[in-house]
Amino acid sequence: MSFALMILENVLRMAEENGARAVKKIRVEVGELLMVNPDQLEFCFRAISKNTPAENADLEIETLKAKSLCQSCGSELDSVHSRCSCGGWMEIRGGKEIVLRRIEMEVEDAQDRN
């Protein structure tokens, strides 16, 4: 629920800053290491966005793969490993993020604001 709330709070802040009547589409990228179920995230978002400008928004959720970087040889892997084939330790470089990538809004015309 906390990820859904964080997304909604940011979307509503952006909508208010831009004078939006409605939010049409939201695109979110979620790192796989956060272990977020996209269906559960969408369910929670729908529940808490009722009676807000984001209530009927199309929510697109993309899962980002985890990435690792070897501290010894610099090899990059599209997965999480503790050790590289060279024997070096791997540093996790991706898969732990949540990114609000795109928000499409219906915004008032400047004439409508007066």
N, C-alpha and C. Protein backbone atom coordinates (compact mmCIF):
# COMPACT_ATOMS: atom_id res chain seq x y z
N MET A 1 0.82 -1.20 0.00
CA MET A 1 0.00 0.00 0.00
C MET A 1 0.87 1.26 0.00
N SER A 2 2.03 1.20 0.65
CA SER A 2 2.86 2.40 0.74
C SER A 2 3.40 2.84 -0.62
N PHE A 3 3.72 1.89 -1.51
CA PHE A 3 4.18 2.28 -2.84
C PHE A 3 3.05 2.94 -3.62
N ALA A 4 1.86 2.40 -3.52
CA ALA A 4 0.70 2.99 -4.20
C ALA A 4 0.44 4.40 -3.68
N LEU A 5 0.54 4.59 -2.38
CA LEU A 5 0.33 5.90 -1.78
C LEU A 5 1.40 6.89 -2.24
N MET A 6 2.64 6.44 -2.29
CA MET A 6 3.72 7.31 -2.76
C MET A 6 3.48 7.74 -4.20
N ILE A 7 3.07 6.81 -5.04
CA ILE A 7 2.78 7.14 -6.44
C ILE A 7 1.64 8.14 -6.51
N LEU A 8 0.55 7.86 -5.80
CA LEU A 8 -0.61 8.74 -5.85
C LEU A 8 -0.26 10.14 -5.35
N GLU A 9 0.45 10.25 -4.25
CA GLU A 9 0.80 11.57 -3.71
C GLU A 9 1.60 12.38 -4.72
N ASN A 10 2.55 11.75 -5.39
CA ASN A 10 3.35 12.45 -6.39
C ASN A 10 2.52 12.83 -7.62
N VAL A 11 1.66 11.94 -8.06
CA VAL A 11 0.80 12.23 -9.20
C VAL A 11 -0.14 13.39 -8.89
N LEU A 12 -0.75 13.37 -7.72
CA LEU A 12 -1.67 14.45 -7.34
C LEU A 12 -0.96 15.78 -7.19
N ARG A 13 0.27 15.75 -6.67
CA ARG A 13 1.05 16.99 -6.55
C ARG A 13 1.33 17.57 -7.93
N MET A 14 1.74 16.71 -8.86
CA MET A 14 2.02 17.15 -10.23
C MET A 14 0.75 17.66 -10.92
N ALA A 15 -0.36 16.97 -10.68
CA ALA A 15 -1.63 17.39 -11.27
C ALA A 15 -2.03 18.77 -10.76
N GLU A 16 -1.88 18.99 -9.46
CA GLU A 16 -2.22 20.30 -8.88
C GLU A 16 -1.31 21.40 -9.41
N GLU A 17 -0.01 21.11 -9.48
CA GLU A 17 0.95 22.10 -9.99
C GLU A 17 0.66 22.50 -11.43
N ASN A 18 0.05 21.60 -12.19
CA ASN A 18 -0.23 21.86 -13.60
C ASN A 18 -1.68 22.18 -13.89
N GLY A 19 -2.48 22.34 -12.85
CA GLY A 19 -3.89 22.67 -13.04
C GLY A 19 -4.67 21.61 -13.79
N ALA A 20 -4.37 20.35 -13.53
CA ALA A 20 -5.02 19.26 -14.26
C ALA A 20 -6.41 18.98 -13.73
N ARG A 21 -7.32 18.73 -14.65
CA ARG A 21 -8.68 18.31 -14.28
C ARG A 21 -8.70 16.82 -13.98
N ALA A 22 -7.91 16.09 -14.77
CA ALA A 22 -7.89 14.63 -14.64
C ALA A 22 -6.53 14.09 -15.08
N VAL A 23 -6.16 12.97 -14.48
CA VAL A 23 -4.95 12.25 -14.87
C VAL A 23 -5.41 11.10 -15.76
N LYS A 24 -4.85 11.02 -16.95
CA LYS A 24 -5.28 10.03 -17.93
C LYS A 24 -4.43 8.76 -17.91
N LYS A 25 -3.11 8.92 -17.75
CA LYS A 25 -2.22 7.76 -17.81
C LYS A 25 -1.02 8.00 -16.89
N ILE A 26 -0.61 6.91 -16.24
CA ILE A 26 0.56 6.94 -15.36
C ILE A 26 1.44 5.76 -15.73
N ARG A 27 2.71 6.03 -15.95
CA ARG A 27 3.66 4.95 -16.25
C ARG A 27 4.69 4.90 -15.12
N VAL A 28 4.79 3.73 -14.49
CA VAL A 28 5.68 3.53 -13.36
C VAL A 28 6.62 2.37 -13.66
N GLU A 29 7.88 2.54 -13.27
CA GLU A 29 8.87 1.47 -13.38
C GLU A 29 9.23 1.04 -11.96
N VAL A 30 9.15 -0.27 -11.72
CA VAL A 30 9.40 -0.80 -10.39
C VAL A 30 10.48 -1.87 -10.46
N GLY A 31 11.52 -1.71 -9.67
CA GLY A 31 12.62 -2.67 -9.64
C GLY A 31 12.16 -4.01 -9.10
N GLU A 32 12.65 -5.09 -9.73
CA GLU A 32 12.22 -6.43 -9.34
C GLU A 32 12.62 -6.80 -7.92
N LEU A 33 13.68 -6.19 -7.38
CA LEU A 33 14.11 -6.52 -6.02
C LEU A 33 13.19 -5.96 -4.95
N LEU A 34 12.29 -5.06 -5.33
CA LEU A 34 11.30 -4.56 -4.38
C LEU A 34 10.21 -5.59 -4.11
N MET A 35 10.17 -6.62 -4.98
CA MET A 35 9.21 -7.72 -4.81
C MET A 35 7.76 -7.21 -4.79
N VAL A 36 7.44 -6.27 -5.67
CA VAL A 36 6.10 -5.71 -5.76
C VAL A 36 5.32 -6.49 -6.81
N ASN A 37 4.16 -6.97 -6.42
CA ASN A 37 3.26 -7.65 -7.36
C ASN A 37 2.50 -6.56 -8.11
N PRO A 38 2.64 -6.47 -9.44
CA PRO A 38 1.96 -5.42 -10.19
C PRO A 38 0.44 -5.41 -10.01
N ASP A 39 -0.18 -6.59 -9.91
CA ASP A 39 -1.63 -6.64 -9.71
C ASP A 39 -2.02 -6.06 -8.36
N GLN A 40 -1.25 -6.36 -7.34
CA GLN A 40 -1.53 -5.81 -6.00
C GLN A 40 -1.30 -4.31 -5.97
N LEU A 41 -0.24 -3.84 -6.64
CA LEU A 41 0.03 -2.41 -6.69
C LEU A 41 -1.13 -1.69 -7.38
N GLU A 42 -1.61 -2.24 -8.47
CA GLU A 42 -2.72 -1.61 -9.18
C GLU A 42 -3.99 -1.64 -8.32
N PHE A 43 -4.26 -2.75 -7.65
CA PHE A 43 -5.44 -2.84 -6.78
C PHE A 43 -5.39 -1.77 -5.70
N CYS A 44 -4.24 -1.65 -5.04
CA CYS A 44 -4.10 -0.64 -3.98
C CYS A 44 -4.25 0.77 -4.54
N PHE A 45 -3.65 1.01 -5.71
CA PHE A 45 -3.75 2.33 -6.32
C PHE A 45 -5.21 2.67 -6.63
N ARG A 46 -5.95 1.71 -7.17
CA ARG A 46 -7.37 1.94 -7.49
C ARG A 46 -8.17 2.26 -6.22
N ALA A 47 -7.87 1.56 -5.14
CA ALA A 47 -8.61 1.76 -3.89
C ALA A 47 -8.38 3.15 -3.31
N ILE A 48 -7.14 3.62 -3.34
CA ILE A 48 -6.84 4.91 -2.70
C ILE A 48 -7.02 6.11 -3.63
N SER A 49 -7.16 5.88 -4.92
CA SER A 49 -7.30 7.01 -5.85
C SER A 49 -8.75 7.40 -6.11
N LYS A 50 -9.68 6.69 -5.49
CA LYS A 50 -11.10 7.03 -5.68
C LYS A 50 -11.35 8.47 -5.26
N ASN A 51 -12.19 9.15 -6.04
CA ASN A 51 -12.57 10.55 -5.79
C ASN A 51 -11.38 11.51 -5.88
N THR A 52 -10.39 11.17 -6.69
CA THR A 52 -9.27 12.06 -6.96
C THR A 52 -9.17 12.23 -8.48
N PRO A 53 -8.40 13.20 -8.96
CA PRO A 53 -8.22 13.34 -10.40
C PRO A 53 -7.57 12.12 -11.07
N ALA A 54 -6.97 11.24 -10.28
CA ALA A 54 -6.30 10.05 -10.84
C ALA A 54 -7.18 8.81 -10.80
N GLU A 55 -8.43 8.95 -10.39
CA GLU A 55 -9.31 7.80 -10.20
C GLU A 55 -9.41 6.89 -11.42
N ASN A 56 -9.52 7.46 -12.60
CA ASN A 56 -9.72 6.65 -13.80
C ASN A 56 -8.48 6.55 -14.68
N ALA A 57 -7.34 6.88 -14.13
CA ALA A 57 -6.09 6.85 -14.91
C ALA A 57 -5.71 5.42 -15.28
N ASP A 58 -5.14 5.30 -16.45
CA ASP A 58 -4.58 4.02 -16.90
C ASP A 58 -3.21 3.90 -16.24
N LEU A 59 -3.03 2.87 -15.41
CA LEU A 59 -1.76 2.68 -14.70
C LEU A 59 -0.95 1.59 -15.40
N GLU A 60 0.19 1.99 -15.96
CA GLU A 60 1.11 1.05 -16.61
C GLU A 60 2.26 0.78 -15.67
N ILE A 61 2.52 -0.48 -15.37
CA ILE A 61 3.59 -0.85 -14.45
C ILE A 61 4.59 -1.73 -15.20
N GLU A 62 5.83 -1.27 -15.25
CA GLU A 62 6.90 -2.04 -15.90
C GLU A 62 7.88 -2.48 -14.82
N THR A 63 8.28 -3.74 -14.86
CA THR A 63 9.26 -4.26 -13.91
C THR A 63 10.66 -4.11 -14.48
N LEU A 64 11.53 -3.49 -13.71
CA LEU A 64 12.92 -3.31 -14.11
C LEU A 64 13.78 -4.44 -13.56
N LYS A 65 14.62 -5.00 -14.40
CA LYS A 65 15.51 -6.09 -13.99
C LYS A 65 16.58 -5.58 -13.04
N ALA A 66 17.00 -6.47 -12.17
CA ALA A 66 18.12 -6.18 -11.28
C ALA A 66 19.42 -6.20 -12.08
N LYS A 67 20.38 -5.39 -11.69
CA LYS A 67 21.69 -5.35 -12.34
C LYS A 67 22.78 -5.39 -11.28
N SER A 68 23.90 -5.98 -11.65
CA SER A 68 25.05 -6.06 -10.74
C SER A 68 26.30 -5.60 -11.47
N LEU A 69 27.25 -5.05 -10.70
CA LEU A 69 28.52 -4.60 -11.24
C LEU A 69 29.64 -5.20 -10.39
N CYS A 70 30.61 -5.83 -11.05
CA CYS A 70 31.74 -6.44 -10.35
C CYS A 70 32.70 -5.34 -9.89
N GLN A 71 33.05 -5.38 -8.62
CA GLN A 71 33.96 -4.40 -8.04
C GLN A 71 35.41 -4.62 -8.49
N SER A 72 35.71 -5.81 -9.00
CA SER A 72 37.08 -6.12 -9.42
C SER A 72 37.32 -5.87 -10.91
N CYS A 73 36.49 -6.50 -11.75
CA CYS A 73 36.75 -6.43 -13.20
C CYS A 73 35.80 -5.48 -13.94
N GLY A 74 34.74 -5.02 -13.27
CA GLY A 74 33.82 -4.08 -13.91
C GLY A 74 32.74 -4.73 -14.76
N SER A 75 32.65 -6.06 -14.75
CA SER A 75 31.62 -6.74 -15.53
C SER A 75 30.24 -6.35 -15.02
N GLU A 76 29.29 -6.17 -15.95
CA GLU A 76 27.91 -5.88 -15.59
C GLU A 76 27.06 -7.08 -15.92
N LEU A 77 26.15 -7.44 -15.02
CA LEU A 77 25.24 -8.56 -15.23
C LEU A 77 23.81 -8.08 -15.05
N ASP A 78 22.91 -8.65 -15.82
CA ASP A 78 21.49 -8.33 -15.71
C ASP A 78 20.80 -9.23 -14.69
N SER A 79 21.46 -9.49 -13.60
CA SER A 79 20.91 -10.30 -12.53
C SER A 79 21.70 -9.99 -11.27
N VAL A 80 21.31 -10.61 -10.18
CA VAL A 80 21.99 -10.36 -8.91
C VAL A 80 22.80 -11.58 -8.51
N HIS A 81 24.08 -11.39 -8.35
CA HIS A 81 24.99 -12.43 -7.89
C HIS A 81 25.88 -11.82 -6.82
N SER A 82 26.31 -12.63 -5.88
CA SER A 82 27.20 -12.10 -4.85
C SER A 82 28.65 -12.09 -5.33
N ARG A 83 29.00 -13.00 -6.24
CA ARG A 83 30.38 -13.07 -6.74
C ARG A 83 30.37 -13.14 -8.27
N CYS A 84 31.39 -12.54 -8.85
CA CYS A 84 31.58 -12.56 -10.31
C CYS A 84 32.38 -13.82 -10.68
N SER A 85 32.37 -14.16 -11.95
CA SER A 85 33.17 -15.31 -12.41
C SER A 85 34.67 -15.08 -12.20
N CYS A 86 35.09 -13.80 -12.07
CA CYS A 86 36.50 -13.51 -11.81
C CYS A 86 36.84 -13.65 -10.32
N GLY A 87 35.80 -13.84 -9.49
CA GLY A 87 36.00 -13.97 -8.05
C GLY A 87 35.71 -12.71 -7.27
N GLY A 88 35.48 -11.59 -7.99
CA GLY A 88 35.21 -10.31 -7.34
C GLY A 88 33.79 -10.24 -6.79
N TRP A 89 33.61 -9.33 -5.84
CA TRP A 89 32.28 -9.11 -5.25
C TRP A 89 31.44 -8.22 -6.16
N MET A 90 30.16 -8.55 -6.23
CA MET A 90 29.23 -7.79 -7.06
C MET A 90 28.49 -6.75 -6.23
N GLU A 91 28.28 -5.60 -6.83
CA GLU A 91 27.49 -4.53 -6.21
C GLU A 91 26.17 -4.43 -6.96
N ILE A 92 25.07 -4.41 -6.23
CA ILE A 92 23.75 -4.27 -6.87
C ILE A 92 23.62 -2.84 -7.36
N ARG A 93 23.28 -2.69 -8.64
CA ARG A 93 23.19 -1.38 -9.26
C ARG A 93 21.79 -1.06 -9.78
N GLY A 94 20.88 -1.96 -9.69
CA GLY A 94 19.54 -1.70 -10.20
C GLY A 94 18.58 -2.76 -9.71
N GLY A 95 17.29 -2.43 -9.81
CA GLY A 95 16.28 -3.37 -9.38
C GLY A 95 15.66 -3.01 -8.04
N LYS A 96 16.15 -1.90 -7.43
CA LYS A 96 15.63 -1.47 -6.13
C LYS A 96 14.88 -0.14 -6.23
N GLU A 97 14.68 0.34 -7.44
CA GLU A 97 14.10 1.66 -7.63
C GLU A 97 12.61 1.60 -7.98
N ILE A 98 11.96 2.74 -7.76
CA ILE A 98 10.60 2.94 -8.26
C ILE A 98 10.61 4.33 -8.89
N VAL A 99 10.23 4.38 -10.18
CA VAL A 99 10.34 5.60 -10.96
C VAL A 99 8.99 5.95 -11.56
N LEU A 100 8.54 7.15 -11.30
CA LEU A 100 7.33 7.67 -11.92
C LEU A 100 7.78 8.25 -13.25
N ARG A 101 7.67 7.46 -14.31
CA ARG A 101 8.27 7.79 -15.60
C ARG A 101 7.45 8.79 -16.41
N ARG A 102 6.11 8.67 -16.37
CA ARG A 102 5.29 9.53 -17.22
C ARG A 102 3.90 9.72 -16.61
N ILE A 103 3.39 10.94 -16.72
CA ILE A 103 2.03 11.24 -16.30
C ILE A 103 1.37 12.02 -17.43
N GLU A 104 0.25 11.53 -17.91
CA GLU A 104 -0.53 12.26 -18.90
C GLU A 104 -1.76 12.83 -18.21
N MET A 105 -1.97 14.14 -18.40
CA MET A 105 -3.05 14.84 -17.70
C MET A 105 -3.92 15.63 -18.67
N GLU A 106 -5.16 15.83 -18.25
CA GLU A 106 -6.05 16.74 -18.95
C GLU A 106 -5.95 18.07 -18.21
N VAL A 107 -5.40 19.08 -18.89
CA VAL A 107 -5.12 20.36 -18.25
C VAL A 107 -6.06 21.41 -18.79
N GLU A 108 -6.47 22.33 -17.90
CA GLU A 108 -7.35 23.43 -18.30
C GLU A 108 -6.63 24.34 -19.27
N ASP A 109 -7.40 24.96 -20.16
CA ASP A 109 -6.83 26.00 -21.02
C ASP A 109 -6.56 27.22 -20.16
N ALA A 110 -5.61 28.04 -20.57
CA ALA A 110 -5.28 29.24 -19.82
C ALA A 110 -6.51 30.15 -19.70
N GLN A 111 -7.38 30.19 -20.73
CA GLN A 111 -8.58 31.04 -20.70
C GLN A 111 -9.56 30.54 -19.65
N ASP A 112 -9.61 29.21 -19.41
CA ASP A 112 -10.53 28.63 -18.44
C ASP A 112 -10.16 29.01 -17.01
N ARG A 113 -8.90 29.36 -16.77
CA ARG A 113 -8.44 29.65 -15.41
C ARG A 113 -8.85 31.05 -14.95
N ASN A 114 -9.18 31.93 -15.89
CA ASN A 114 -9.55 33.31 -15.53
C ASN A 114 -10.99 33.42 -15.17
